[in-house]
């Protein structure tokens, strides 16, 4: 969903520009994601006829609709981030329980 968000915020972008805005994503994973989103009809690819060749991507109408519908979920996740962190800390501090077959 990071690509959907990035294109929704910044508009039409080149592959490298999307990658720069998405920290930690590899070029290979970004390429695969863009192809899948294009196949699903969420992203449109533009092959520009110039030298050197250039490709840009933007959200389709359906991609924009998905972004709009995802905003409440992302808002909820951000609002609950402290609770997620606390739950993880509590879980991680529990002693490791061994099953009877692990003794």
PDB file of N, CA and C in Angstrom:
ATOM      1  N   UNK A   1       0.812  -1.199   0.000  1.00  0.00           N
ATOM      2  CA  UNK A   1       0.000   0.000   0.000  1.00  0.00           C
ATOM      3  C   UNK A   1       0.860   1.269   0.000  1.00  0.00           C
ATOM      4  N   UNK A   2       2.137   1.113   0.234  1.00  0.00           N
ATOM      5  CA  UNK A   2       3.017   2.271   0.228  1.00  0.00           C
ATOM      6  C   UNK A   2       3.066   2.969  -1.118  1.00  0.00           C
ATOM      7  N   UNK A   3       3.021   2.197  -2.195  1.00  0.00           N
ATOM      8  CA  UNK A   3       3.040   2.790  -3.540  1.00  0.00           C
ATOM      9  C   UNK A   3       1.761   3.582  -3.770  1.00  0.00           C
ATOM     10  N   UNK A   4       0.628   3.021  -3.365  1.00  0.00           N
ATOM     11  CA  UNK A   4      -0.655   3.716  -3.518  1.00  0.00           C
ATOM     12  C   UNK A   4      -0.603   5.049  -2.774  1.00  0.00           C
ATOM     13  N   UNK A   5      -0.114   5.020  -1.549  1.00  0.00           N
ATOM     14  CA  UNK A   5      -0.018   6.243  -0.745  1.00  0.00           C
ATOM     15  C   UNK A   5       0.930   7.250  -1.396  1.00  0.00           C
ATOM     16  N   UNK A   6       2.096   6.786  -1.815  1.00  0.00           N
ATOM     17  CA  UNK A   6       3.090   7.680  -2.416  1.00  0.00           C
ATOM     18  C   UNK A   6       2.547   8.355  -3.671  1.00  0.00           C
ATOM     19  N   UNK A   7       1.930   7.585  -4.554  1.00  0.00           N
ATOM     20  CA  UNK A   7       1.371   8.180  -5.775  1.00  0.00           C
ATOM     21  C   UNK A   7       0.180   9.076  -5.459  1.00  0.00           C
ATOM     22  N   UNK A   8      -0.569   8.748  -4.418  1.00  0.00           N
ATOM     23  CA  UNK A   8      -1.694   9.588  -4.017  1.00  0.00           C
ATOM     24  C   UNK A   8      -1.245  10.935  -3.484  1.00  0.00           C
ATOM     25  N   UNK A   9      -0.134  10.937  -2.764  1.00  0.00           N
ATOM     26  CA  UNK A   9       0.379  12.178  -2.172  1.00  0.00           C
ATOM     27  C   UNK A   9       1.140  13.012  -3.202  1.00  0.00           C
ATOM     28  N   UNK A  10       2.002  12.372  -3.999  1.00  0.00           N
ATOM     29  CA  UNK A  10       2.899  13.107  -4.891  1.00  0.00           C
ATOM     30  C   UNK A  10       2.436  13.161  -6.345  1.00  0.00           C
ATOM     31  N   UNK A  11       1.445  12.363  -6.711  1.00  0.00           N
ATOM     32  CA  UNK A  11       0.983  12.359  -8.097  1.00  0.00           C
ATOM     33  C   UNK A  11       1.872  11.513  -8.986  1.00  0.00           C
ATOM     34  N   UNK A  12       1.855  11.812 -10.250  1.00  0.00           N
ATOM     35  CA  UNK A  12       2.581  11.033 -11.265  1.00  0.00           C
ATOM     36  C   UNK A  12       4.083  11.107 -11.018  1.00  0.00           C
ATOM     37  N   UNK A  13       4.724   9.920 -10.924  1.00  0.00           N
ATOM     38  CA  UNK A  13       6.149   9.855 -10.593  1.00  0.00           C
ATOM     39  C   UNK A  13       6.869   8.808 -11.425  1.00  0.00           C
ATOM     40  N   UNK A  14       8.172   9.002 -11.552  1.00  0.00           N
ATOM     41  CA  UNK A  14       9.042   7.997 -12.158  1.00  0.00           C
ATOM     42  C   UNK A  14       9.351   6.923 -11.119  1.00  0.00           C
ATOM     43  N   UNK A  15       9.775   5.766 -11.612  1.00  0.00           N
ATOM     44  CA  UNK A  15      10.112   4.627 -10.750  1.00  0.00           C
ATOM     45  C   UNK A  15      11.092   5.042  -9.650  1.00  0.00           C
ATOM     46  N   UNK A  16      12.174   5.692 -10.031  1.00  0.00           N
ATOM     47  CA  UNK A  16      13.206   6.088  -9.064  1.00  0.00           C
ATOM     48  C   UNK A  16      12.662   7.062  -8.024  1.00  0.00           C
ATOM     49  N   UNK A  17      11.772   7.955  -8.431  1.00  0.00           N
ATOM     50  CA  UNK A  17      11.191   8.921  -7.494  1.00  0.00           C
ATOM     51  C   UNK A  17      10.293   8.226  -6.475  1.00  0.00           C
ATOM     52  N   UNK A  18       9.563   7.213  -6.920  1.00  0.00           N
ATOM     53  CA  UNK A  18       8.742   6.435  -5.984  1.00  0.00           C
ATOM     54  C   UNK A  18       9.662   5.744  -4.986  1.00  0.00           C
ATOM     55  N   UNK A  19      10.723   5.116  -5.493  1.00  0.00           N
ATOM     56  CA  UNK A  19      11.675   4.412  -4.633  1.00  0.00           C
ATOM     57  C   UNK A  19      12.320   5.313  -3.603  1.00  0.00           C
ATOM     58  N   UNK A  20      12.658   6.542  -3.982  1.00  0.00           N
ATOM     59  CA  UNK A  20      13.277   7.481  -3.038  1.00  0.00           C
ATOM     60  C   UNK A  20      12.332   7.858  -1.904  1.00  0.00           C
ATOM     61  N   UNK A  21      11.056   7.865  -2.183  1.00  0.00           N
ATOM     62  CA  UNK A  21      10.074   8.257  -1.172  1.00  0.00           C
ATOM     63  C   UNK A  21       9.635   7.082  -0.296  1.00  0.00           C
ATOM     64  N   UNK A  22      10.012   5.881  -0.687  1.00  0.00           N
ATOM     65  CA  UNK A  22       9.642   4.685   0.069  1.00  0.00           C
ATOM     66  C   UNK A  22      10.914   4.067   0.648  1.00  0.00           C
ATOM     67  N   UNK A  23      11.235   4.427   1.856  1.00  0.00           N
ATOM     68  CA  UNK A  23      12.468   3.969   2.491  1.00  0.00           C
ATOM     69  C   UNK A  23      12.434   2.462   2.733  1.00  0.00           C
ATOM     70  N   UNK A  24      13.526   1.801   2.373  1.00  0.00           N
ATOM     71  CA  UNK A  24      13.669   0.385   2.665  1.00  0.00           C
ATOM     72  C   UNK A  24      13.143  -0.567   1.608  1.00  0.00           C
ATOM     73  N   UNK A  25      12.539  -0.063   0.550  1.00  0.00           N
ATOM     74  CA  UNK A  25      12.022  -0.948  -0.498  1.00  0.00           C
ATOM     75  C   UNK A  25      13.107  -1.142  -1.559  1.00  0.00           C
ATOM     76  N   UNK A  26      13.301  -2.384  -1.988  1.00  0.00           N
ATOM     77  CA  UNK A  26      14.298  -2.652  -3.023  1.00  0.00           C
ATOM     78  C   UNK A  26      13.717  -2.317  -4.396  1.00  0.00           C
ATOM     79  N   UNK A  27      14.603  -2.087  -5.334  1.00  0.00           N
ATOM     80  CA  UNK A  27      14.172  -1.777  -6.700  1.00  0.00           C
ATOM     81  C   UNK A  27      13.375  -2.945  -7.273  1.00  0.00           C
ATOM     82  N   UNK A  28      13.825  -4.159  -7.001  1.00  0.00           N
ATOM     83  CA  UNK A  28      13.133  -5.350  -7.513  1.00  0.00           C
ATOM     84  C   UNK A  28      11.715  -5.448  -6.956  1.00  0.00           C
ATOM     85  N   UNK A  29      11.581  -5.241  -5.643  1.00  0.00           N
ATOM     86  CA  UNK A  29      10.259  -5.335  -5.025  1.00  0.00           C
ATOM     87  C   UNK A  29       9.345  -4.220  -5.533  1.00  0.00           C
ATOM     88  N   UNK A  30       9.893  -3.030  -5.713  1.00  0.00           N
ATOM     89  CA  UNK A  30       9.097  -1.922  -6.235  1.00  0.00           C
ATOM     90  C   UNK A  30       8.613  -2.231  -7.655  1.00  0.00           C
ATOM     91  N   UNK A  31       9.486  -2.774  -8.480  1.00  0.00           N
ATOM     92  CA  UNK A  31       9.105  -3.130  -9.851  1.00  0.00           C
ATOM     93  C   UNK A  31       7.993  -4.169  -9.849  1.00  0.00           C
ATOM     94  N   UNK A  32       8.125  -5.187  -9.026  1.00  0.00           N
ATOM     95  CA  UNK A  32       7.092  -6.230  -8.939  1.00  0.00           C
ATOM     96  C   UNK A  32       5.763  -5.649  -8.455  1.00  0.00           C
ATOM     97  N   UNK A  33       5.846  -4.785  -7.459  1.00  0.00           N
ATOM     98  CA  UNK A  33       4.637  -4.174  -6.906  1.00  0.00           C
ATOM     99  C   UNK A  33       3.941  -3.313  -7.953  1.00  0.00           C
ATOM    100  N   UNK A  34       4.706  -2.496  -8.667  1.00  0.00           N
ATOM    101  CA  UNK A  34       4.121  -1.639  -9.699  1.00  0.00           C
ATOM    102  C   UNK A  34       3.459  -2.466 -10.799  1.00  0.00           C
ATOM    103  N   UNK A  35       4.105  -3.553 -11.208  1.00  0.00           N
ATOM    104  CA  UNK A  35       3.513  -4.415 -12.238  1.00  0.00           C
ATOM    105  C   UNK A  35       2.197  -5.016 -11.752  1.00  0.00           C
ATOM    106  N   UNK A  36       2.171  -5.473 -10.500  1.00  0.00           N
ATOM    107  CA  UNK A  36       0.950  -6.070  -9.961  1.00  0.00           C
ATOM    108  C   UNK A  36      -0.154  -5.027  -9.830  1.00  0.00           C
ATOM    109  N   UNK A  37       0.183  -3.832  -9.364  1.00  0.00           N
ATOM    110  CA  UNK A  37      -0.815  -2.770  -9.238  1.00  0.00           C
ATOM    111  C   UNK A  37      -1.342  -2.345 -10.606  1.00  0.00           C
ATOM    112  N   UNK A  38      -0.461  -2.339 -11.603  1.00  0.00           N
ATOM    113  CA  UNK A  38      -0.898  -2.024 -12.968  1.00  0.00           C
ATOM    114  C   UNK A  38      -1.840  -3.119 -13.473  1.00  0.00           C
ATOM    115  N   UNK A  39      -1.482  -4.357 -13.219  1.00  0.00           N
ATOM    116  CA  UNK A  39      -2.320  -5.492 -13.634  1.00  0.00           C
ATOM    117  C   UNK A  39      -3.691  -5.442 -12.971  1.00  0.00           C
ATOM    118  N   UNK A  40      -3.723  -5.018 -11.701  1.00  0.00           N
ATOM    119  CA  UNK A  40      -4.979  -4.929 -10.951  1.00  0.00           C
ATOM    120  C   UNK A  40      -5.812  -3.707 -11.325  1.00  0.00           C
ATOM    121  N   UNK A  41      -5.240  -2.808 -12.130  1.00  0.00           N
ATOM    122  CA  UNK A  41      -5.977  -1.622 -12.549  1.00  0.00           C
ATOM    123  C   UNK A  41      -5.908  -0.467 -11.572  1.00  0.00           C
ATOM    124  N   UNK A  42      -4.960  -0.521 -10.627  1.00  0.00           N
ATOM    125  CA  UNK A  42      -4.834   0.531  -9.621  1.00  0.00           C
ATOM    126  C   UNK A  42      -3.822   1.604 -10.014  1.00  0.00           C
ATOM    127  N   UNK A  43      -2.886   1.241 -10.889  1.00  0.00           N
ATOM    128  CA  UNK A  43      -1.824   2.151 -11.329  1.00  0.00           C
ATOM    129  C   UNK A  43      -1.765   2.114 -12.852  1.00  0.00           C
ATOM    130  N   UNK A  44      -1.512   3.267 -13.439  1.00  0.00           N
ATOM    131  CA  UNK A  44      -1.342   3.375 -14.893  1.00  0.00           C
ATOM    132  C   UNK A  44       0.126   3.694 -15.173  1.00  0.00           C
ATOM    133  N   UNK A  45       0.684   3.001 -16.155  1.00  0.00           N
ATOM    134  CA  UNK A  45       2.079   3.200 -16.560  1.00  0.00           C
ATOM    135  C   UNK A  45       2.098   4.006 -17.849  1.00  0.00           C
ATOM    136  N   UNK A  46       2.982   4.988 -17.904  1.00  0.00           N
ATOM    137  CA  UNK A  46       3.161   5.815 -19.098  1.00  0.00           C
ATOM    138  C   UNK A  46       4.586   5.623 -19.612  1.00  0.00           C
ATOM    139  N   UNK A  47       4.715   5.112 -20.830  1.00  0.00           N
ATOM    140  CA  UNK A  47       6.015   5.000 -21.487  1.00  0.00           C
ATOM    141  C   UNK A  47       6.193   6.242 -22.347  1.00  0.00           C
ATOM    142  N   UNK A  48       7.093   7.116 -21.934  1.00  0.00           N
ATOM    143  CA  UNK A  48       7.308   8.370 -22.650  1.00  0.00           C
ATOM    144  C   UNK A  48       8.359   8.176 -23.736  1.00  0.00           C
ATOM    145  N   UNK A  49       8.043   8.639 -24.919  1.00  0.00           N
ATOM    146  CA  UNK A  49       8.941   8.478 -26.066  1.00  0.00           C
ATOM    147  C   UNK A  49       9.914   9.646 -26.069  1.00  0.00           C
ATOM    148  N   UNK A  50      11.036   9.439 -25.436  1.00  0.00           N
ATOM    149  CA  UNK A  50      12.103  10.440 -25.401  1.00  0.00           C
ATOM    150  C   UNK A  50      13.407   9.716 -25.131  1.00  0.00           C
ATOM    151  N   UNK A  51      14.488  10.410 -25.274  1.00  0.00           N
ATOM    152  CA  UNK A  51      15.803   9.817 -25.032  1.00  0.00           C
ATOM    153  C   UNK A  51      16.444  10.514 -23.853  1.00  0.00           C
ATOM    154  N   UNK A  52      16.885   9.800 -22.862  1.00  0.00           N
ATOM    155  CA  UNK A  52      16.677   8.362 -22.684  1.00  0.00           C
ATOM    156  C   UNK A  52      15.201   8.062 -22.395  1.00  0.00           C
ATOM    157  N   UNK A  53      14.779   6.820 -22.653  1.00  0.00           N
ATOM    158  CA  UNK A  53      13.381   6.454 -22.406  1.00  0.00           C
ATOM    159  C   UNK A  53      13.000   6.707 -20.948  1.00  0.00           C
ATOM    160  N   UNK A  54      11.757   7.087 -20.755  1.00  0.00           N
ATOM    161  CA  UNK A  54      11.293   7.410 -19.401  1.00  0.00           C
ATOM    162  C   UNK A  54       9.925   6.769 -19.182  1.00  0.00           C
ATOM    163  N   UNK A  55       9.712   6.281 -17.968  1.00  0.00           N
ATOM    164  CA  UNK A  55       8.438   5.672 -17.586  1.00  0.00           C
ATOM    165  C   UNK A  55       7.936   6.388 -16.343  1.00  0.00           C
ATOM    166  N   UNK A  56       6.654   6.686 -16.317  1.00  0.00           N
ATOM    167  CA  UNK A  56       6.028   7.306 -15.143  1.00  0.00           C
ATOM    168  C   UNK A  56       4.793   6.502 -14.753  1.00  0.00           C
ATOM    169  N   UNK A  57       4.416   6.640 -13.497  1.00  0.00           N
ATOM    170  CA  UNK A  57       3.259   5.925 -12.963  1.00  0.00           C
ATOM    171  C   UNK A  57       2.346   6.902 -12.243  1.00  0.00           C
ATOM    172  N   UNK A  58       1.035   6.618 -12.303  1.00  0.00           N
ATOM    173  CA  UNK A  58       0.075   7.392 -11.521  1.00  0.00           C
ATOM    174  C   UNK A  58      -1.100   6.494 -11.151  1.00  0.00           C
ATOM    175  N   UNK A  59      -1.840   6.924 -10.148  1.00  0.00           N
ATOM    176  CA  UNK A  59      -3.018   6.174  -9.737  1.00  0.00           C
ATOM    177  C   UNK A  59      -4.116   6.288 -10.782  1.00  0.00           C
ATOM    178  N   UNK A  60      -4.844   5.216 -10.965  1.00  0.00           N
ATOM    179  CA  UNK A  60      -6.056   5.258 -11.777  1.00  0.00           C
ATOM    180  C   UNK A  60      -7.190   5.750 -10.876  1.00  0.00           C
ATOM    181  N   UNK A  61      -8.359   5.891 -11.438  1.00  0.00           N
ATOM    182  CA  UNK A  61      -9.523   6.279 -10.638  1.00  0.00           C
ATOM    183  C   UNK A  61      -9.776   5.241  -9.543  1.00  0.00           C
ATOM    184  N   UNK A  62      -9.635   3.968  -9.889  1.00  0.00           N
ATOM    185  CA  UNK A  62      -9.841   2.912  -8.906  1.00  0.00           C
ATOM    186  C   UNK A  62      -8.755   2.951  -7.818  1.00  0.00           C
ATOM    187  N   UNK A  63      -7.519   3.271  -8.201  1.00  0.00           N
ATOM    188  CA  UNK A  63      -6.442   3.401  -7.225  1.00  0.00           C
ATOM    189  C   UNK A  63      -6.697   4.540  -6.255  1.00  0.00           C
ATOM    190  N   UNK A  64      -7.206   5.649  -6.767  1.00  0.00           N
ATOM    191  CA  UNK A  64      -7.544   6.792  -5.912  1.00  0.00           C
ATOM    192  C   UNK A  64      -8.672   6.428  -4.959  1.00  0.00           C
ATOM    193  N   UNK A  65      -9.651   5.694  -5.461  1.00  0.00           N
ATOM    194  CA  UNK A  65     -10.760   5.252  -4.607  1.00  0.00           C
ATOM    195  C   UNK A  65     -10.249   4.349  -3.482  1.00  0.00           C
ATOM    196  N   UNK A  66      -9.316   3.448  -3.803  1.00  0.00           N
ATOM    197  CA  UNK A  66      -8.732   2.589  -2.770  1.00  0.00           C
ATOM    198  C   UNK A  66      -8.015   3.429  -1.720  1.00  0.00           C
ATOM    199  N   UNK A  67      -7.236   4.403  -2.162  1.00  0.00           N
ATOM    200  CA  UNK A  67      -6.514   5.274  -1.234  1.00  0.00           C
ATOM    201  C   UNK A  67      -7.481   5.969  -0.283  1.00  0.00           C
ATOM    202  N   UNK A  68      -8.548   6.515  -0.819  1.00  0.00           N
ATOM    203  CA  UNK A  68      -9.532   7.219   0.008  1.00  0.00           C
ATOM    204  C   UNK A  68     -10.138   6.280   1.045  1.00  0.00           C
ATOM    205  N   UNK A  69     -10.401   5.048   0.643  1.00  0.00           N
ATOM    206  CA  UNK A  69     -10.993   4.078   1.567  1.00  0.00           C
ATOM    207  C   UNK A  69      -9.992   3.570   2.603  1.00  0.00           C
ATOM    208  N   UNK A  70      -8.697   3.628   2.301  1.00  0.00           N
ATOM    209  CA  UNK A  70      -7.668   3.153   3.231  1.00  0.00           C
ATOM    210  C   UNK A  70      -7.310   4.188   4.299  1.00  0.00           C
ATOM    211  N   UNK A  71      -7.578   5.458   4.047  1.00  0.00           N
ATOM    212  CA  UNK A  71      -7.184   6.510   4.988  1.00  0.00           C
ATOM    213  C   UNK A  71      -7.731   6.272   6.391  1.00  0.00           C
ATOM    214  N   UNK A  72      -9.007   5.906   6.571  1.00  0.00           N
ATOM    215  CA  UNK A  72      -9.482   5.642   7.939  1.00  0.00           C
ATOM    216  C   UNK A  72      -8.724   4.501   8.629  1.00  0.00           C
ATOM    217  N   UNK A  73      -8.359   3.467   7.886  1.00  0.00           N
ATOM    218  CA  UNK A  73      -7.606   2.362   8.480  1.00  0.00           C
ATOM    219  C   UNK A  73      -6.223   2.832   8.907  1.00  0.00           C
ATOM    220  N   UNK A  74      -5.517   3.577   8.041  1.00  0.00           N
ATOM    221  CA  UNK A  74      -4.202   4.089   8.400  1.00  0.00           C
ATOM    222  C   UNK A  74      -4.288   5.025   9.600  1.00  0.00           C
ATOM    223  N   UNK A  75      -5.327   5.844   9.652  1.00  0.00           N
ATOM    224  CA  UNK A  75      -5.515   6.747  10.786  1.00  0.00           C
ATOM    225  C   UNK A  75      -5.664   5.947  12.070  1.00  0.00           C
ATOM    226  N   UNK A  76      -6.464   4.885  12.024  1.00  0.00           N
ATOM    227  CA  UNK A  76      -6.666   4.031  13.192  1.00  0.00           C
ATOM    228  C   UNK A  76      -5.347   3.395  13.633  1.00  0.00           C
ATOM    229  N   UNK A  77      -4.554   2.902  12.684  1.00  0.00           N
ATOM    230  CA  UNK A  77      -3.270   2.279  13.013  1.00  0.00           C
ATOM    231  C   UNK A  77      -2.352   3.287  13.703  1.00  0.00           C
ATOM    232  N   UNK A  78      -2.286   4.501  13.186  1.00  0.00           N
ATOM    233  CA  UNK A  78      -1.447   5.540  13.793  1.00  0.00           C
ATOM    234  C   UNK A  78      -1.943   5.861  15.199  1.00  0.00           C
ATOM    235  N   UNK A  79      -3.254   5.991  15.359  1.00  0.00           N
ATOM    236  CA  UNK A  79      -3.821   6.297  16.674  1.00  0.00           C
ATOM    237  C   UNK A  79      -3.548   5.187  17.684  1.00  0.00           C
ATOM    238  N   UNK A  80      -3.457   3.958  17.239  1.00  0.00           N
ATOM    239  CA  UNK A  80      -3.254   2.810  18.126  1.00  0.00           C
ATOM    240  C   UNK A  80      -1.791   2.401  18.254  1.00  0.00           C
ATOM    241  N   UNK A  81      -0.879   3.157  17.668  1.00  0.00           N
ATOM    242  CA  UNK A  81       0.523   2.742  17.645  1.00  0.00           C
ATOM    243  C   UNK A  81       1.106   2.550  19.040  1.00  0.00           C
ATOM    244  N   UNK A  82       0.752   3.402  19.990  1.00  0.00           N
ATOM    245  CA  UNK A  82       1.259   3.238  21.359  1.00  0.00           C
ATOM    246  C   UNK A  82       0.736   1.938  21.968  1.00  0.00           C
ATOM    247  N   UNK A  83      -0.517   1.607  21.696  1.00  0.00           N
ATOM    248  CA  UNK A  83      -1.083   0.359  22.213  1.00  0.00           C
ATOM    249  C   UNK A  83      -0.424  -0.854  21.565  1.00  0.00           C
ATOM    250  N   UNK A  84      -0.136  -0.768  20.270  1.00  0.00           N
ATOM    251  CA  UNK A  84       0.583  -1.860  19.606  1.00  0.00           C
ATOM    252  C   UNK A  84       1.949  -2.058  20.256  1.00  0.00           C
ATOM    253  N   UNK A  85       2.660  -0.952  20.480  1.00  0.00           N
ATOM    254  CA  UNK A  85       3.986  -1.008  21.083  1.00  0.00           C
ATOM    255  C   UNK A  85       3.923  -1.652  22.462  1.00  0.00           C
ATOM    256  N   UNK A  86       2.949  -1.233  23.288  1.00  0.00           N
ATOM    257  CA  UNK A  86       2.791  -1.790  24.629  1.00  0.00           C
ATOM    258  C   UNK A  86       2.486  -3.286  24.567  1.00  0.00           C
ATOM    259  N   UNK A  87       1.604  -3.687  23.690  1.00  0.00           N
ATOM    260  CA  UNK A  87       1.267  -5.111  23.544  1.00  0.00           C
ATOM    261  C   UNK A  87       2.492  -5.927  23.155  1.00  0.00           C
ATOM    262  N   UNK A  88       3.293  -5.399  22.258  1.00  0.00           N
ATOM    263  CA  UNK A  88       4.507  -6.106  21.845  1.00  0.00           C
ATOM    264  C   UNK A  88       5.494  -6.226  22.996  1.00  0.00           C
ATOM    265  N   UNK A  89       5.652  -5.139  23.761  1.00  0.00           N
ATOM    266  CA  UNK A  89       6.561  -5.181  24.905  1.00  0.00           C
ATOM    267  C   UNK A  89       6.094  -6.203  25.931  1.00  0.00           C
ATOM    268  N   UNK A  90       4.800  -6.237  26.210  1.00  0.00           N
ATOM    269  CA  UNK A  90       4.257  -7.212  27.156  1.00  0.00           C
ATOM    270  C   UNK A  90       4.468  -8.632  26.649  1.00  0.00           C
ATOM    271  N   UNK A  91       4.195  -8.847  25.389  1.00  0.00           N
ATOM    272  CA  UNK A  91       4.363 -10.176  24.797  1.00  0.00           C
ATOM    273  C   UNK A  91       5.830 -10.604  24.858  1.00  0.00           C
ATOM    274  N   UNK A  92       6.729  -9.705  24.470  1.00  0.00           N
ATOM    275  CA  UNK A  92       8.156 -10.026  24.429  1.00  0.00           C
ATOM    276  C   UNK A  92       8.749 -10.246  25.811  1.00  0.00           C
ATOM    277  N   UNK A  93       8.142  -9.689  26.862  1.00  0.00           N
ATOM    278  CA  UNK A  93       8.686  -9.839  28.214  1.00  0.00           C
ATOM    279  C   UNK A  93       8.206 -11.117  28.904  1.00  0.00           C
ATOM    280  N   UNK A  94       7.255 -11.818  28.302  1.00  0.00           N
ATOM    281  CA  UNK A  94       6.776 -13.073  28.888  1.00  0.00           C
ATOM    282  C   UNK A  94       7.862 -14.136  28.810  1.00  0.00           C
ATOM    283  N   UNK A  95       7.911 -14.997  29.848  1.00  0.00           N
ATOM    284  CA  UNK A  95       8.873 -16.102  29.769  1.00  0.00           C
ATOM    285  C   UNK A  95       8.482 -17.060  28.640  1.00  0.00           C
ATOM    286  N   UNK A  96       9.471 -17.629  28.038  1.00  0.00           N
ATOM    287  CA  UNK A  96       9.225 -18.567  26.950  1.00  0.00           C
ATOM    288  C   UNK A  96       8.694 -19.857  27.547  1.00  0.00           C
ATOM    289  N   UNK A  97       7.526 -20.256  27.080  1.00  0.00           N
ATOM    290  CA  UNK A  97       6.919 -21.489  27.573  1.00  0.00           C
ATOM    291  C   UNK A  97       7.280 -22.626  26.634  1.00  0.00           C
ATOM    292  N   UNK A  98       7.701 -23.736  27.234  1.00  0.00           N
ATOM    293  CA  UNK A  98       8.019 -24.911  26.432  1.00  0.00           C
ATOM    294  C   UNK A  98       6.855 -25.877  26.491  1.00  0.00           C
ATOM    295  N   UNK A  99       6.571 -26.471  25.374  1.00  0.00           N
ATOM    296  CA  UNK A  99       5.563 -27.524  25.341  1.00  0.00           C
ATOM    297  C   UNK A  99       6.149 -28.786  25.958  1.00  0.00           C
ATOM    298  N   UNK A 100       5.293 -29.714  26.362  1.00  0.00           N
ATOM    299  CA  UNK A 100       5.758 -30.938  27.021  1.00  0.00           C
ATOM    300  C   UNK A 100       6.743 -31.716  26.147  1.00  0.00           C
ATOM    301  N   UNK A 101       6.577 -31.668  24.856  1.00  0.00           N
ATOM    302  CA  UNK A 101       7.465 -32.411  23.965  1.00  0.00           C
ATOM    303  C   UNK A 101       8.810 -31.718  23.767  1.00  0.00           C
ATOM    304  N   UNK A 102       8.931 -30.455  24.260  1.00  0.00           N
ATOM    305  CA  UNK A 102      10.182 -29.712  24.114  1.00  0.00           C
ATOM    306  C   UNK A 102      11.074 -29.825  25.341  1.00  0.00           C
ATOM    307  N   UNK A 103      10.594 -30.429  26.405  1.00  0.00           N
ATOM    308  CA  UNK A 103      11.341 -30.478  27.669  1.00  0.00           C
ATOM    309  C   UNK A 103      12.636 -31.217  27.571  1.00  0.00           C
TER     310      UNK A 103
END
